[in-house]
């Protein structure tokens, strides 16, 4: 079984980096459902994990994250990054959890491929 880790740093709606990371993750999952896919959000990307965001138009990152978590993709937000932005105590999208750099290091060492956005 192939193990893929996607690490995203881009702001949720400030650029398309996070959108492209999620879009690719969904496509990977659709083409290879047996692949072990993990997603770690860092920097400004962590704010995408906050539940209840309602963008006025275009793509909806919450829906994309919900698709991935429903497909058993582990999604974690960097604790240092959420603490730094004051969002660690806010309600998160179901299935999204706070993670640590130690976990990211473990995921990285176990992955066959690491994709960064």
PDB file of N, CA and C in Angstrom:
ATOM      1  N   UNK A   1       0.848  -1.177   0.000  1.00  0.00           N
ATOM      2  CA  UNK A   1       0.000   0.000   0.000  1.00  0.00           C
ATOM      3  C   UNK A   1       0.896   1.243   0.000  1.00  0.00           C
ATOM      4  N   UNK A   2       0.570   2.155  -0.886  1.00  0.00           N
ATOM      5  CA  UNK A   2       1.321   3.403  -0.971  1.00  0.00           C
ATOM      6  C   UNK A   2       0.874   4.378   0.121  1.00  0.00           C
ATOM      7  N   UNK A   3       1.834   5.090   0.698  1.00  0.00           N
ATOM      8  CA  UNK A   3       1.539   6.078   1.746  1.00  0.00           C
ATOM      9  C   UNK A   3       1.925   7.462   1.236  1.00  0.00           C
ATOM     10  N   UNK A   4       0.943   8.355   1.224  1.00  0.00           N
ATOM     11  CA  UNK A   4       1.164   9.716   0.729  1.00  0.00           C
ATOM     12  C   UNK A   4       0.797  10.710   1.821  1.00  0.00           C
ATOM     13  N   UNK A   5       1.678  11.662   2.038  1.00  0.00           N
ATOM     14  CA  UNK A   5       1.451  12.750   2.984  1.00  0.00           C
ATOM     15  C   UNK A   5       1.383  14.051   2.203  1.00  0.00           C
ATOM     16  N   UNK A   6       0.331  14.823   2.447  1.00  0.00           N
ATOM     17  CA  UNK A   6       0.181  16.143   1.847  1.00  0.00           C
ATOM     18  C   UNK A   6       0.311  17.164   2.971  1.00  0.00           C
ATOM     19  N   UNK A   7       1.235  18.113   2.793  1.00  0.00           N
ATOM     20  CA  UNK A   7       1.449  19.183   3.767  1.00  0.00           C
ATOM     21  C   UNK A   7       1.084  20.489   3.075  1.00  0.00           C
ATOM     22  N   UNK A   8       0.145  21.218   3.663  1.00  0.00           N
ATOM     23  CA  UNK A   8      -0.320  22.469   3.057  1.00  0.00           C
ATOM     24  C   UNK A   8      -0.096  23.642   4.002  1.00  0.00           C
ATOM     25  N   UNK A   9       0.357  24.752   3.444  1.00  0.00           N
ATOM     26  CA  UNK A   9       0.653  25.957   4.213  1.00  0.00           C
ATOM     27  C   UNK A   9      -0.172  27.174   3.800  1.00  0.00           C
ATOM     28  N   UNK A  10      -0.767  27.146   2.626  1.00  0.00           N
ATOM     29  CA  UNK A  10      -1.421  28.330   2.075  1.00  0.00           C
ATOM     30  C   UNK A  10      -2.682  28.734   2.806  1.00  0.00           C
ATOM     31  N   UNK A  11      -2.913  30.032   2.843  1.00  0.00           N
ATOM     32  CA  UNK A  11      -4.118  30.575   3.476  1.00  0.00           C
ATOM     33  C   UNK A  11      -5.366  30.015   2.795  1.00  0.00           C
ATOM     34  N   UNK A  12      -6.420  29.758   3.565  1.00  0.00           N
ATOM     35  CA  UNK A  12      -7.616  29.120   3.001  1.00  0.00           C
ATOM     36  C   UNK A  12      -8.199  29.810   1.778  1.00  0.00           C
ATOM     37  N   UNK A  13      -8.413  31.095   1.849  1.00  0.00           N
ATOM     38  CA  UNK A  13      -9.016  31.769   0.717  1.00  0.00           C
ATOM     39  C   UNK A  13      -8.124  32.895   0.191  1.00  0.00           C
ATOM     40  N   UNK A  14      -6.880  32.958   0.668  1.00  0.00           N
ATOM     41  CA  UNK A  14      -5.960  34.001   0.234  1.00  0.00           C
ATOM     42  C   UNK A  14      -5.202  33.634  -1.029  1.00  0.00           C
ATOM     43  N   UNK A  15      -5.096  32.347  -1.288  1.00  0.00           N
ATOM     44  CA  UNK A  15      -4.457  31.856  -2.509  1.00  0.00           C
ATOM     45  C   UNK A  15      -5.117  30.531  -2.850  1.00  0.00           C
ATOM     46  N   UNK A  16      -4.686  29.910  -3.901  1.00  0.00           N
ATOM     47  CA  UNK A  16      -5.278  28.631  -4.276  1.00  0.00           C
ATOM     48  C   UNK A  16      -4.423  27.449  -3.847  1.00  0.00           C
ATOM     49  N   UNK A  17      -3.381  27.674  -3.058  1.00  0.00           N
ATOM     50  CA  UNK A  17      -2.509  26.582  -2.638  1.00  0.00           C
ATOM     51  C   UNK A  17      -3.274  25.509  -1.870  1.00  0.00           C
ATOM     52  N   UNK A  18      -4.024  25.909  -0.864  1.00  0.00           N
ATOM     53  CA  UNK A  18      -4.761  24.934  -0.064  1.00  0.00           C
ATOM     54  C   UNK A  18      -5.850  24.269  -0.900  1.00  0.00           C
ATOM     55  N   UNK A  19      -6.545  25.051  -1.686  1.00  0.00           N
ATOM     56  CA  UNK A  19      -7.575  24.499  -2.573  1.00  0.00           C
ATOM     57  C   UNK A  19      -6.975  23.411  -3.469  1.00  0.00           C
ATOM     58  N   UNK A  20      -5.819  23.689  -4.053  1.00  0.00           N
ATOM     59  CA  UNK A  20      -5.174  22.710  -4.935  1.00  0.00           C
ATOM     60  C   UNK A  20      -4.706  21.481  -4.164  1.00  0.00           C
ATOM     61  N   UNK A  21      -4.227  21.668  -2.943  1.00  0.00           N
ATOM     62  CA  UNK A  21      -3.821  20.523  -2.113  1.00  0.00           C
ATOM     63  C   UNK A  21      -5.018  19.619  -1.826  1.00  0.00           C
ATOM     64  N   UNK A  22      -6.160  20.210  -1.501  1.00  0.00           N
ATOM     65  CA  UNK A  22      -7.359  19.425  -1.203  1.00  0.00           C
ATOM     66  C   UNK A  22      -7.928  18.774  -2.449  1.00  0.00           C
ATOM     67  N   UNK A  23      -7.893  19.494  -3.531  1.00  0.00           N
ATOM     68  CA  UNK A  23      -8.389  18.960  -4.794  1.00  0.00           C
ATOM     69  C   UNK A  23      -7.573  17.749  -5.237  1.00  0.00           C
ATOM     70  N   UNK A  24      -6.250  17.866  -5.117  1.00  0.00           N
ATOM     71  CA  UNK A  24      -5.389  16.748  -5.469  1.00  0.00           C
ATOM     72  C   UNK A  24      -5.604  15.578  -4.511  1.00  0.00           C
ATOM     73  N   UNK A  25      -5.774  15.868  -3.241  1.00  0.00           N
ATOM     74  CA  UNK A  25      -6.017  14.812  -2.250  1.00  0.00           C
ATOM     75  C   UNK A  25      -7.293  14.040  -2.575  1.00  0.00           C
ATOM     76  N   UNK A  26      -8.338  14.745  -2.935  1.00  0.00           N
ATOM     77  CA  UNK A  26      -9.601  14.096  -3.302  1.00  0.00           C
ATOM     78  C   UNK A  26      -9.399  13.242  -4.549  1.00  0.00           C
ATOM     79  N   UNK A  27      -8.672  13.752  -5.531  1.00  0.00           N
ATOM     80  CA  UNK A  27      -8.418  12.997  -6.764  1.00  0.00           C
ATOM     81  C   UNK A  27      -7.584  11.744  -6.484  1.00  0.00           C
ATOM     82  N   UNK A  28      -6.585  11.871  -5.620  1.00  0.00           N
ATOM     83  CA  UNK A  28      -5.775  10.699  -5.256  1.00  0.00           C
ATOM     84  C   UNK A  28      -6.658   9.651  -4.600  1.00  0.00           C
ATOM     85  N   UNK A  29      -7.507  10.102  -3.683  1.00  0.00           N
ATOM     86  CA  UNK A  29      -8.389   9.174  -2.975  1.00  0.00           C
ATOM     87  C   UNK A  29      -9.337   8.475  -3.934  1.00  0.00           C
ATOM     88  N   UNK A  30      -9.862   9.225  -4.912  1.00  0.00           N
ATOM     89  CA  UNK A  30     -10.782   8.633  -5.879  1.00  0.00           C
ATOM     90  C   UNK A  30     -10.074   7.609  -6.766  1.00  0.00           C
ATOM     91  N   UNK A  31      -8.844   7.886  -7.166  1.00  0.00           N
ATOM     92  CA  UNK A  31      -8.126   6.989  -8.070  1.00  0.00           C
ATOM     93  C   UNK A  31      -7.450   5.832  -7.350  1.00  0.00           C
ATOM     94  N   UNK A  32      -7.177   6.008  -6.077  1.00  0.00           N
ATOM     95  CA  UNK A  32      -6.507   4.953  -5.315  1.00  0.00           C
ATOM     96  C   UNK A  32      -7.095   4.877  -3.906  1.00  0.00           C
ATOM     97  N   UNK A  33      -8.294   4.297  -3.776  1.00  0.00           N
ATOM     98  CA  UNK A  33      -8.966   4.276  -2.470  1.00  0.00           C
ATOM     99  C   UNK A  33      -8.207   3.494  -1.400  1.00  0.00           C
ATOM    100  N   UNK A  34      -7.303   2.613  -1.804  1.00  0.00           N
ATOM    101  CA  UNK A  34      -6.540   1.832  -0.826  1.00  0.00           C
ATOM    102  C   UNK A  34      -5.273   2.542  -0.361  1.00  0.00           C
ATOM    103  N   UNK A  35      -4.943   3.638  -0.989  1.00  0.00           N
ATOM    104  CA  UNK A  35      -3.762   4.411  -0.626  1.00  0.00           C
ATOM    105  C   UNK A  35      -3.951   4.996   0.779  1.00  0.00           C
ATOM    106  N   UNK A  36      -2.883   4.990   1.575  1.00  0.00           N
ATOM    107  CA  UNK A  36      -2.952   5.638   2.880  1.00  0.00           C
ATOM    108  C   UNK A  36      -2.584   7.108   2.677  1.00  0.00           C
ATOM    109  N   UNK A  37      -3.578   7.973   2.787  1.00  0.00           N
ATOM    110  CA  UNK A  37      -3.410   9.402   2.538  1.00  0.00           C
ATOM    111  C   UNK A  37      -3.585  10.158   3.848  1.00  0.00           C
ATOM    112  N   UNK A  38      -2.636  11.054   4.133  1.00  0.00           N
ATOM    113  CA  UNK A  38      -2.724  11.896   5.335  1.00  0.00           C
ATOM    114  C   UNK A  38      -2.497  13.338   4.923  1.00  0.00           C
ATOM    115  N   UNK A  39      -3.163  14.249   5.644  1.00  0.00           N
ATOM    116  CA  UNK A  39      -3.103  15.672   5.335  1.00  0.00           C
ATOM    117  C   UNK A  39      -2.750  16.446   6.605  1.00  0.00           C
ATOM    118  N   UNK A  40      -1.708  17.266   6.518  1.00  0.00           N
ATOM    119  CA  UNK A  40      -1.277  18.075   7.664  1.00  0.00           C
ATOM    120  C   UNK A  40      -1.278  19.526   7.228  1.00  0.00           C
ATOM    121  N   UNK A  41      -2.073  20.356   7.924  1.00  0.00           N
ATOM    122  CA  UNK A  41      -2.175  21.771   7.594  1.00  0.00           C
ATOM    123  C   UNK A  41      -1.333  22.584   8.562  1.00  0.00           C
ATOM    124  N   UNK A  42      -0.548  23.512   8.009  1.00  0.00           N
ATOM    125  CA  UNK A  42       0.349  24.353   8.799  1.00  0.00           C
ATOM    126  C   UNK A  42       0.137  25.813   8.422  1.00  0.00           C
ATOM    127  N   UNK A  43       0.803  26.701   9.146  1.00  0.00           N
ATOM    128  CA  UNK A  43       0.767  28.139   8.878  1.00  0.00           C
ATOM    129  C   UNK A  43      -0.689  28.597   8.770  1.00  0.00           C
ATOM    130  N   UNK A  44      -0.978  29.460   7.802  1.00  0.00           N
ATOM    131  CA  UNK A  44      -2.337  29.990   7.676  1.00  0.00           C
ATOM    132  C   UNK A  44      -3.364  28.951   7.241  1.00  0.00           C
ATOM    133  N   UNK A  45      -2.912  27.827   6.701  1.00  0.00           N
ATOM    134  CA  UNK A  45      -3.848  26.778   6.266  1.00  0.00           C
ATOM    135  C   UNK A  45      -4.665  26.224   7.423  1.00  0.00           C
ATOM    136  N   UNK A  46      -4.157  26.331   8.659  1.00  0.00           N
ATOM    137  CA  UNK A  46      -4.876  25.747   9.799  1.00  0.00           C
ATOM    138  C   UNK A  46      -6.262  26.350   9.988  1.00  0.00           C
ATOM    139  N   UNK A  47      -6.450  27.591   9.587  1.00  0.00           N
ATOM    140  CA  UNK A  47      -7.766  28.209   9.799  1.00  0.00           C
ATOM    141  C   UNK A  47      -8.855  27.573   8.938  1.00  0.00           C
ATOM    142  N   UNK A  48      -8.489  26.782   7.951  1.00  0.00           N
ATOM    143  CA  UNK A  48      -9.488  26.069   7.151  1.00  0.00           C
ATOM    144  C   UNK A  48     -10.194  24.999   7.972  1.00  0.00           C
ATOM    145  N   UNK A  49      -9.579  24.564   9.056  1.00  0.00           N
ATOM    146  CA  UNK A  49     -10.168  23.519   9.888  1.00  0.00           C
ATOM    147  C   UNK A  49     -11.261  23.990  10.824  1.00  0.00           C
ATOM    148  N   UNK A  50     -11.484  25.297  10.895  1.00  0.00           N
ATOM    149  CA  UNK A  50     -12.523  25.846  11.777  1.00  0.00           C
ATOM    150  C   UNK A  50     -13.898  25.576  11.166  1.00  0.00           C
ATOM    151  N   UNK A  51     -14.770  25.015  11.975  1.00  0.00           N
ATOM    152  CA  UNK A  51     -16.120  24.663  11.516  1.00  0.00           C
ATOM    153  C   UNK A  51     -16.976  25.911  11.297  1.00  0.00           C
ATOM    154  N   UNK A  52     -17.859  25.847  10.288  1.00  0.00           N
ATOM    155  CA  UNK A  52     -18.886  26.864  10.089  1.00  0.00           C
ATOM    156  C   UNK A  52     -18.536  27.997   9.155  1.00  0.00           C
ATOM    157  N   UNK A  53     -17.442  27.906   8.428  1.00  0.00           N
ATOM    158  CA  UNK A  53     -17.112  28.978   7.486  1.00  0.00           C
ATOM    159  C   UNK A  53     -18.046  28.889   6.285  1.00  0.00           C
ATOM    160  N   UNK A  54     -18.476  30.036   5.805  1.00  0.00           N
ATOM    161  CA  UNK A  54     -19.412  30.068   4.689  1.00  0.00           C
ATOM    162  C   UNK A  54     -18.922  31.058   3.631  1.00  0.00           C
ATOM    163  N   UNK A  55     -18.068  30.595   2.723  1.00  0.00           N
ATOM    164  CA  UNK A  55     -17.592  31.501   1.673  1.00  0.00           C
ATOM    165  C   UNK A  55     -18.761  31.927   0.787  1.00  0.00           C
ATOM    166  N   UNK A  56     -18.702  33.159   0.316  1.00  0.00           N
ATOM    167  CA  UNK A  56     -19.804  33.698  -0.495  1.00  0.00           C
ATOM    168  C   UNK A  56     -19.904  33.054  -1.868  1.00  0.00           C
ATOM    169  N   UNK A  57     -18.773  32.710  -2.440  1.00  0.00           N
ATOM    170  CA  UNK A  57     -18.795  32.113  -3.784  1.00  0.00           C
ATOM    171  C   UNK A  57     -17.556  31.253  -3.966  1.00  0.00           C
ATOM    172  N   UNK A  58     -17.566  30.476  -5.022  1.00  0.00           N
ATOM    173  CA  UNK A  58     -16.406  29.641  -5.311  1.00  0.00           C
ATOM    174  C   UNK A  58     -16.406  28.357  -4.503  1.00  0.00           C
ATOM    175  N   UNK A  59     -15.234  27.842  -4.270  1.00  0.00           N
ATOM    176  CA  UNK A  59     -15.081  26.561  -3.589  1.00  0.00           C
ATOM    177  C   UNK A  59     -15.313  26.687  -2.085  1.00  0.00           C
ATOM    178  N   UNK A  60     -15.662  25.560  -1.460  1.00  0.00           N
ATOM    179  CA  UNK A  60     -15.913  25.512  -0.032  1.00  0.00           C
ATOM    180  C   UNK A  60     -14.945  24.502   0.583  1.00  0.00           C
ATOM    181  N   UNK A  61     -13.946  25.000   1.284  1.00  0.00           N
ATOM    182  CA  UNK A  61     -12.911  24.139   1.842  1.00  0.00           C
ATOM    183  C   UNK A  61     -13.449  23.214   2.925  1.00  0.00           C
ATOM    184  N   UNK A  62     -14.454  23.659   3.682  1.00  0.00           N
ATOM    185  CA  UNK A  62     -15.030  22.788   4.705  1.00  0.00           C
ATOM    186  C   UNK A  62     -15.619  21.547   4.052  1.00  0.00           C
ATOM    187  N   UNK A  63     -16.346  21.725   2.958  1.00  0.00           N
ATOM    188  CA  UNK A  63     -16.919  20.574   2.259  1.00  0.00           C
ATOM    189  C   UNK A  63     -15.826  19.642   1.757  1.00  0.00           C
ATOM    190  N   UNK A  64     -14.743  20.211   1.254  1.00  0.00           N
ATOM    191  CA  UNK A  64     -13.643  19.389   0.743  1.00  0.00           C
ATOM    192  C   UNK A  64     -12.988  18.602   1.875  1.00  0.00           C
ATOM    193  N   UNK A  65     -12.789  19.237   3.024  1.00  0.00           N
ATOM    194  CA  UNK A  65     -12.220  18.539   4.175  1.00  0.00           C
ATOM    195  C   UNK A  65     -13.170  17.457   4.684  1.00  0.00           C
ATOM    196  N   UNK A  66     -14.471  17.729   4.658  1.00  0.00           N
ATOM    197  CA  UNK A  66     -15.462  16.732   5.087  1.00  0.00           C
ATOM    198  C   UNK A  66     -15.453  15.518   4.161  1.00  0.00           C
ATOM    199  N   UNK A  67     -15.265  15.743   2.868  1.00  0.00           N
ATOM    200  CA  UNK A  67     -15.171  14.625   1.915  1.00  0.00           C
ATOM    201  C   UNK A  67     -13.984  13.748   2.285  1.00  0.00           C
ATOM    202  N   UNK A  68     -12.843  14.378   2.550  1.00  0.00           N
ATOM    203  CA  UNK A  68     -11.634  13.626   2.879  1.00  0.00           C
ATOM    204  C   UNK A  68     -11.773  12.878   4.202  1.00  0.00           C
ATOM    205  N   UNK A  69     -12.286  13.538   5.232  1.00  0.00           N
ATOM    206  CA  UNK A  69     -12.406  12.849   6.521  1.00  0.00           C
ATOM    207  C   UNK A  69     -13.433  11.718   6.442  1.00  0.00           C
ATOM    208  N   UNK A  70     -14.466  11.886   5.627  1.00  0.00           N
ATOM    209  CA  UNK A  70     -15.445  10.813   5.440  1.00  0.00           C
ATOM    210  C   UNK A  70     -14.816   9.600   4.752  1.00  0.00           C
ATOM    211  N   UNK A  71     -13.732   9.840   4.023  1.00  0.00           N
ATOM    212  CA  UNK A  71     -13.019   8.755   3.346  1.00  0.00           C
ATOM    213  C   UNK A  71     -11.845   8.252   4.191  1.00  0.00           C
ATOM    214  N   UNK A  72     -11.904   8.542   5.481  1.00  0.00           N
ATOM    215  CA  UNK A  72     -10.901   8.087   6.448  1.00  0.00           C
ATOM    216  C   UNK A  72      -9.500   8.633   6.208  1.00  0.00           C
ATOM    217  N   UNK A  73      -9.419   9.826   5.648  1.00  0.00           N
ATOM    218  CA  UNK A  73      -8.137  10.516   5.527  1.00  0.00           C
ATOM    219  C   UNK A  73      -7.902  11.251   6.841  1.00  0.00           C
ATOM    220  N   UNK A  74      -6.747  11.018   7.457  1.00  0.00           N
ATOM    221  CA  UNK A  74      -6.418  11.741   8.678  1.00  0.00           C
ATOM    222  C   UNK A  74      -6.047  13.170   8.315  1.00  0.00           C
ATOM    223  N   UNK A  75      -6.686  14.127   9.001  1.00  0.00           N
ATOM    224  CA  UNK A  75      -6.410  15.541   8.774  1.00  0.00           C
ATOM    225  C   UNK A  75      -6.049  16.156  10.115  1.00  0.00           C
ATOM    226  N   UNK A  76      -4.858  16.746  10.170  1.00  0.00           N
ATOM    227  CA  UNK A  76      -4.409  17.376  11.411  1.00  0.00           C
ATOM    228  C   UNK A  76      -3.956  18.796  11.145  1.00  0.00           C
ATOM    229  N   UNK A  77      -4.150  19.626  12.167  1.00  0.00           N
ATOM    230  CA  UNK A  77      -3.720  21.014  12.135  1.00  0.00           C
ATOM    231  C   UNK A  77      -2.539  21.178  13.080  1.00  0.00           C
ATOM    232  N   UNK A  78      -1.537  21.907  12.669  1.00  0.00           N
ATOM    233  CA  UNK A  78      -0.353  22.160  13.488  1.00  0.00           C
ATOM    234  C   UNK A  78      -0.742  22.903  14.768  1.00  0.00           C
ATOM    235  N   UNK A  79      -0.440  22.316  15.915  1.00  0.00           N
ATOM    236  CA  UNK A  79      -0.791  22.926  17.206  1.00  0.00           C
ATOM    237  C   UNK A  79      -0.105  24.272  17.409  1.00  0.00           C
ATOM    238  N   UNK A  80       1.170  24.354  17.080  1.00  0.00           N
ATOM    239  CA  UNK A  80       1.896  25.619  17.223  1.00  0.00           C
ATOM    240  C   UNK A  80       1.244  26.702  16.376  1.00  0.00           C
ATOM    241  N   UNK A  81       0.812  26.331  15.177  1.00  0.00           N
ATOM    242  CA  UNK A  81       0.181  27.278  14.258  1.00  0.00           C
ATOM    243  C   UNK A  81      -1.203  27.706  14.743  1.00  0.00           C
ATOM    244  N   UNK A  82      -1.994  26.754  15.275  1.00  0.00           N
ATOM    245  CA  UNK A  82      -3.328  27.117  15.787  1.00  0.00           C
ATOM    246  C   UNK A  82      -3.193  27.966  17.054  1.00  0.00           C
ATOM    247  N   UNK A  83      -2.233  27.614  17.918  1.00  0.00           N
ATOM    248  CA  UNK A  83      -2.001  28.418  19.124  1.00  0.00           C
ATOM    249  C   UNK A  83      -1.599  29.841  18.747  1.00  0.00           C
ATOM    250  N   UNK A  84      -0.704  29.967  17.784  1.00  0.00           N
ATOM    251  CA  UNK A  84      -0.217  31.275  17.359  1.00  0.00           C
ATOM    252  C   UNK A  84      -1.303  32.150  16.772  1.00  0.00           C
ATOM    253  N   UNK A  85      -2.342  31.537  16.227  1.00  0.00           N
ATOM    254  CA  UNK A  85      -3.437  32.285  15.621  1.00  0.00           C
ATOM    255  C   UNK A  85      -4.649  32.393  16.548  1.00  0.00           C
ATOM    256  N   UNK A  86      -4.521  31.841  17.742  1.00  0.00           N
ATOM    257  CA  UNK A  86      -5.596  31.940  18.729  1.00  0.00           C
ATOM    258  C   UNK A  86      -6.829  31.143  18.376  1.00  0.00           C
ATOM    259  N   UNK A  87      -6.667  30.044  17.644  1.00  0.00           N
ATOM    260  CA  UNK A  87      -7.845  29.298  17.204  1.00  0.00           C
ATOM    261  C   UNK A  87      -7.893  27.871  17.761  1.00  0.00           C
ATOM    262  N   UNK A  88      -6.994  27.539  18.664  1.00  0.00           N
ATOM    263  CA  UNK A  88      -6.929  26.164  19.173  1.00  0.00           C
ATOM    264  C   UNK A  88      -8.197  25.718  19.890  1.00  0.00           C
ATOM    265  N   UNK A  89      -8.936  26.651  20.470  1.00  0.00           N
ATOM    266  CA  UNK A  89     -10.131  26.300  21.227  1.00  0.00           C
ATOM    267  C   UNK A  89     -11.424  26.435  20.418  1.00  0.00           C
ATOM    268  N   UNK A  90     -11.317  26.846  19.176  1.00  0.00           N
ATOM    269  CA  UNK A  90     -12.514  26.992  18.347  1.00  0.00           C
ATOM    270  C   UNK A  90     -12.995  25.625  17.862  1.00  0.00           C
ATOM    271  N   UNK A  91     -14.292  25.504  17.566  1.00  0.00           N
ATOM    272  CA  UNK A  91     -14.806  24.217  17.085  1.00  0.00           C
ATOM    273  C   UNK A  91     -14.246  23.888  15.705  1.00  0.00           C
ATOM    274  N   UNK A  92     -13.797  22.632  15.566  1.00  0.00           N
ATOM    275  CA  UNK A  92     -13.203  22.193  14.313  1.00  0.00           C
ATOM    276  C   UNK A  92     -14.194  21.358  13.501  1.00  0.00           C
ATOM    277  N   UNK A  93     -13.929  21.271  12.228  1.00  0.00           N
ATOM    278  CA  UNK A  93     -14.706  20.417  11.341  1.00  0.00           C
ATOM    279  C   UNK A  93     -14.609  18.982  11.868  1.00  0.00           C
ATOM    280  N   UNK A  94     -15.708  18.265  11.844  1.00  0.00           N
ATOM    281  CA  UNK A  94     -15.709  16.896  12.339  1.00  0.00           C
ATOM    282  C   UNK A  94     -14.643  16.065  11.623  1.00  0.00           C
ATOM    283  N   UNK A  95     -13.839  15.370  12.403  1.00  0.00           N
ATOM    284  CA  UNK A  95     -12.776  14.540  11.845  1.00  0.00           C
ATOM    285  C   UNK A  95     -11.431  15.233  11.754  1.00  0.00           C
ATOM    286  N   UNK A  96     -11.399  16.544  11.887  1.00  0.00           N
ATOM    287  CA  UNK A  96     -10.153  17.309  11.869  1.00  0.00           C
ATOM    288  C   UNK A  96      -9.669  17.448  13.304  1.00  0.00           C
ATOM    289  N   UNK A  97      -8.372  17.217  13.516  1.00  0.00           N
ATOM    290  CA  UNK A  97      -7.810  17.260  14.866  1.00  0.00           C
ATOM    291  C   UNK A  97      -6.568  18.142  14.903  1.00  0.00           C
ATOM    292  N   UNK A  98      -6.211  18.544  16.100  1.00  0.00           N
ATOM    293  CA  UNK A  98      -4.958  19.261  16.314  1.00  0.00           C
ATOM    294  C   UNK A  98      -3.838  18.222  16.374  1.00  0.00           C
ATOM    295  N   UNK A  99      -2.740  18.499  15.693  1.00  0.00           N
ATOM    296  CA  UNK A  99      -1.595  17.597  15.678  1.00  0.00           C
ATOM    297  C   UNK A  99      -0.331  18.323  16.092  1.00  0.00           C
ATOM    298  N   UNK A 100       0.749  17.576  16.202  1.00  0.00           N
ATOM    299  CA  UNK A 100       2.019  18.148  16.644  1.00  0.00           C
ATOM    300  C   UNK A 100       3.094  17.948  15.582  1.00  0.00           C
ATOM    301  N   UNK A 101       4.182  18.653  15.749  1.00  0.00           N
ATOM    302  CA  UNK A 101       5.307  18.502  14.848  1.00  0.00           C
ATOM    303  C   UNK A 101       5.909  17.102  14.955  1.00  0.00           C
ATOM    304  N   UNK A 102       5.833  16.515  16.131  1.00  0.00           N
ATOM    305  CA  UNK A 102       6.311  15.137  16.308  1.00  0.00           C
ATOM    306  C   UNK A 102       5.499  14.192  15.424  1.00  0.00           C
ATOM    307  N   UNK A 103       4.169  14.375  15.404  1.00  0.00           N
ATOM    308  CA  UNK A 103       3.324  13.541  14.534  1.00  0.00           C
ATOM    309  C   UNK A 103       3.665  13.770  13.059  1.00  0.00           C
ATOM    310  N   UNK A 104       3.872  15.028  12.692  1.00  0.00           N
ATOM    311  CA  UNK A 104       4.238  15.320  11.304  1.00  0.00           C
ATOM    312  C   UNK A 104       5.555  14.640  10.952  1.00  0.00           C
ATOM    313  N   UNK A 105       6.510  14.662  11.858  1.00  0.00           N
ATOM    314  CA  UNK A 105       7.788  13.994  11.614  1.00  0.00           C
ATOM    315  C   UNK A 105       7.582  12.491  11.429  1.00  0.00           C
ATOM    316  N   UNK A 106       6.746  11.888  12.253  1.00  0.00           N
ATOM    317  CA  UNK A 106       6.464  10.455  12.130  1.00  0.00           C
ATOM    318  C   UNK A 106       5.780  10.152  10.805  1.00  0.00           C
ATOM    319  N   UNK A 107       4.788  10.957  10.446  1.00  0.00           N
ATOM    320  CA  UNK A 107       4.087  10.769   9.177  1.00  0.00           C
ATOM    321  C   UNK A 107       5.050  10.899   7.999  1.00  0.00           C
ATOM    322  N   UNK A 108       5.953  11.876   8.083  1.00  0.00           N
ATOM    323  CA  UNK A 108       6.916  12.111   7.009  1.00  0.00           C
ATOM    324  C   UNK A 108       7.844  10.917   6.845  1.00  0.00           C
ATOM    325  N   UNK A 109       8.352  10.408   7.947  1.00  0.00           N
ATOM    326  CA  UNK A 109       9.269   9.261   7.886  1.00  0.00           C
ATOM    327  C   UNK A 109       8.591   7.999   7.365  1.00  0.00           C
ATOM    328  N   UNK A 110       7.292   7.859   7.617  1.00  0.00           N
ATOM    329  CA  UNK A 110       6.553   6.669   7.182  1.00  0.00           C
ATOM    330  C   UNK A 110       6.042   6.778   5.747  1.00  0.00           C
ATOM    331  N   UNK A 111       6.023   7.997   5.194  1.00  0.00           N
ATOM    332  CA  UNK A 111       5.430   8.214   3.865  1.00  0.00           C
ATOM    333  C   UNK A 111       6.351   7.761   2.734  1.00  0.00           C
ATOM    334  N   UNK A 112       5.735   7.265   1.672  1.00  0.00           N
ATOM    335  CA  UNK A 112       6.462   6.971   0.442  1.00  0.00           C
ATOM    336  C   UNK A 112       6.659   8.246  -0.375  1.00  0.00           C
ATOM    337  N   UNK A 113       5.667   9.128  -0.282  1.00  0.00           N
ATOM    338  CA  UNK A 113       5.712  10.410  -1.001  1.00  0.00           C
ATOM    339  C   UNK A 113       5.208  11.503  -0.077  1.00  0.00           C
ATOM    340  N   UNK A 114       5.861  12.672  -0.150  1.00  0.00           N
ATOM    341  CA  UNK A 114       5.412  13.843   0.583  1.00  0.00           C
ATOM    342  C   UNK A 114       5.211  14.964  -0.427  1.00  0.00           C
ATOM    343  N   UNK A 115       4.003  15.505  -0.472  1.00  0.00           N
ATOM    344  CA  UNK A 115       3.662  16.606  -1.366  1.00  0.00           C
ATOM    345  C   UNK A 115       3.446  17.844  -0.523  1.00  0.00           C
ATOM    346  N   UNK A 116       4.036  18.954  -0.931  1.00  0.00           N
ATOM    347  CA  UNK A 116       3.880  20.195  -0.158  1.00  0.00           C
ATOM    348  C   UNK A 116       3.267  21.283  -1.007  1.00  0.00           C
ATOM    349  N   UNK A 117       2.387  22.042  -0.385  1.00  0.00           N
ATOM    350  CA  UNK A 117       1.725  23.170  -1.032  1.00  0.00           C
ATOM    351  C   UNK A 117       1.875  24.395  -0.171  1.00  0.00           C
TER     352      UNK A 117
END
